[in-house]
Amino acid sequence: MDSREKPNPASLAALTLAGQLGMSIALPIVAGVWLGQYLDEKLGTTAVFLVLGVLLGLACGGYEAYRVLMKAATWKN
């Protein structure tokens, strides 16, 4: 048997979906934290915009994860 077998397409699709979900959730949260810290520093507030940025990042990330999952679910059918 050849030691360089072809990868299973279903496994590659699952890894791709996991990567898309991770990025679609993580990037908006990181951006929200960064923007919140920046605004708190510039405006002299204490973590008000940081909390708002995290919440906004979570909402955006959750929505994008939902969109990715719905696209993947309709693609499967």
C-alpha atoms as a PDB file:
ATOM      1  CA  MET A   1       0.000   0.000   0.000  1.00  0.00           C
ATOM      2  CA  ASP A   2       1.189   3.522  -0.770  1.00  0.00           C
ATOM      3  CA  SER A   3       2.148   5.599   2.275  1.00  0.00           C
ATOM      4  CA  ARG A   4       0.841   8.745   0.573  1.00  0.00           C
ATOM      5  CA  GLU A   5      -2.873   8.006   0.443  1.00  0.00           C
ATOM      6  CA  LYS A   6      -5.246  10.678  -0.738  1.00  0.00           C
ATOM      7  CA  PRO A   7      -7.083  12.489   2.048  1.00  0.00           C
ATOM      8  CA  ASN A   8     -10.771  11.881   2.482  1.00  0.00           C
ATOM      9  CA  PRO A   9     -12.774  14.772   0.884  1.00  0.00           C
ATOM     10  CA  ALA A  10     -15.271  14.709   3.753  1.00  0.00           C
ATOM     11  CA  SER A  11     -12.451  15.189   6.247  1.00  0.00           C
ATOM     12  CA  LEU A  12     -11.081  18.124   4.294  1.00  0.00           C
ATOM     13  CA  ALA A  13     -14.553  19.693   4.097  1.00  0.00           C
ATOM     14  CA  ALA A  14     -14.976  19.309   7.869  1.00  0.00           C
ATOM     15  CA  LEU A  15     -11.582  20.907   8.531  1.00  0.00           C
ATOM     16  CA  THR A  16     -12.419  23.763   6.183  1.00  0.00           C
ATOM     17  CA  LEU A  17     -15.752  24.361   7.907  1.00  0.00           C
ATOM     18  CA  ALA A  18     -14.081  24.304  11.342  1.00  0.00           C
ATOM     19  CA  GLY A  19     -11.525  26.859  10.171  1.00  0.00           C
ATOM     20  CA  GLN A  20     -14.197  29.107   8.714  1.00  0.00           C
ATOM     21  CA  LEU A  21     -16.218  28.955  11.921  1.00  0.00           C
ATOM     22  CA  GLY A  22     -13.185  29.701  14.065  1.00  0.00           C
ATOM     23  CA  MET A  23     -12.175  32.697  11.991  1.00  0.00           C
ATOM     24  CA  SER A  24     -15.710  34.028  11.655  1.00  0.00           C
ATOM     25  CA  ILE A  25     -16.095  34.020  15.449  1.00  0.00           C
ATOM     26  CA  ALA A  26     -12.591  35.013  16.551  1.00  0.00           C
ATOM     27  CA  LEU A  27     -11.861  37.918  14.208  1.00  0.00           C
ATOM     28  CA  PRO A  28     -14.896  40.082  15.121  1.00  0.00           C
ATOM     29  CA  ILE A  29     -14.241  39.541  18.830  1.00  0.00           C
ATOM     30  CA  VAL A  30     -10.572  40.487  18.495  1.00  0.00           C
ATOM     31  CA  ALA A  31     -11.529  43.529  16.420  1.00  0.00           C
ATOM     32  CA  GLY A  32     -14.109  44.534  19.046  1.00  0.00           C
ATOM     33  CA  VAL A  33     -11.561  44.225  21.856  1.00  0.00           C
ATOM     34  CA  TRP A  34      -8.986  46.224  19.911  1.00  0.00           C
ATOM     35  CA  LEU A  35     -11.438  48.978  18.979  1.00  0.00           C
ATOM     36  CA  GLY A  36     -12.898  49.081  22.489  1.00  0.00           C
ATOM     37  CA  GLN A  37      -9.482  49.447  24.105  1.00  0.00           C
ATOM     38  CA  TYR A  38      -8.521  52.112  21.603  1.00  0.00           C
ATOM     39  CA  LEU A  39     -11.686  54.137  22.260  1.00  0.00           C
ATOM     40  CA  ASP A  40     -11.366  53.729  26.039  1.00  0.00           C
ATOM     41  CA  GLU A  41      -7.797  55.012  25.878  1.00  0.00           C
ATOM     42  CA  LYS A  42      -8.661  57.971  23.639  1.00  0.00           C
ATOM     43  CA  LEU A  43     -11.780  58.990  25.552  1.00  0.00           C
ATOM     44  CA  GLY A  44     -10.446  58.232  29.038  1.00  0.00           C
ATOM     45  CA  THR A  45     -13.218  55.810  29.966  1.00  0.00           C
ATOM     46  CA  THR A  46     -12.769  52.668  32.017  1.00  0.00           C
ATOM     47  CA  ALA A  47     -13.647  49.580  29.953  1.00  0.00           C
ATOM     48  CA  VAL A  48     -17.016  50.897  28.738  1.00  0.00           C
ATOM     49  CA  PHE A  49     -16.142  50.623  25.078  1.00  0.00           C
ATOM     50  CA  LEU A  50     -14.172  47.425  25.683  1.00  0.00           C
ATOM     51  CA  VAL A  51     -17.298  45.690  26.972  1.00  0.00           C
ATOM     52  CA  LEU A  52     -19.372  47.127  24.138  1.00  0.00           C
ATOM     53  CA  GLY A  53     -16.744  46.015  21.619  1.00  0.00           C
ATOM     54  CA  VAL A  54     -16.693  42.476  22.986  1.00  0.00           C
ATOM     55  CA  LEU A  55     -20.494  42.275  22.921  1.00  0.00           C
ATOM     56  CA  LEU A  56     -20.652  43.654  19.404  1.00  0.00           C
ATOM     57  CA  GLY A  57     -17.900  41.237  18.324  1.00  0.00           C
ATOM     58  CA  LEU A  58     -19.788  38.320  19.848  1.00  0.00           C
ATOM     59  CA  ALA A  59     -22.984  39.336  18.079  1.00  0.00           C
ATOM     60  CA  CYS A  60     -21.247  39.775  14.723  1.00  0.00           C
ATOM     61  CA  GLY A  61     -19.284  36.554  15.148  1.00  0.00           C
ATOM     62  CA  GLY A  62     -22.380  34.586  16.095  1.00  0.00           C
ATOM     63  CA  TYR A  63     -24.292  35.921  13.127  1.00  0.00           C
ATOM     64  CA  GLU A  64     -21.460  35.129  10.745  1.00  0.00           C
ATOM     65  CA  ALA A  65     -21.090  31.622  12.197  1.00  0.00           C
ATOM     66  CA  TYR A  66     -24.815  31.106  11.639  1.00  0.00           C
ATOM     67  CA  ARG A  67     -24.448  32.228   8.019  1.00  0.00           C
ATOM     68  CA  VAL A  68     -21.483  29.902   7.449  1.00  0.00           C
ATOM     69  CA  LEU A  69     -23.366  26.957   8.958  1.00  0.00           C
ATOM     70  CA  MET A  70     -26.514  27.629   6.935  1.00  0.00           C
ATOM     71  CA  LYS A  71     -24.486  27.886   3.760  1.00  0.00           C
ATOM     72  CA  ALA A  72     -22.745  24.596   4.548  1.00  0.00           C
ATOM     73  CA  ALA A  73     -26.047  22.907   5.405  1.00  0.00           C
ATOM     74  CA  THR A  74     -27.704  23.935   2.135  1.00  0.00           C
ATOM     75  CA  TRP A  75     -24.574  22.974   0.189  1.00  0.00           C
ATOM     76  CA  LYS A  76     -24.766  19.443   1.611  1.00  0.00           C
ATOM     77  CA  ASN A  77     -28.306  18.825   0.307  1.00  0.00           C
END
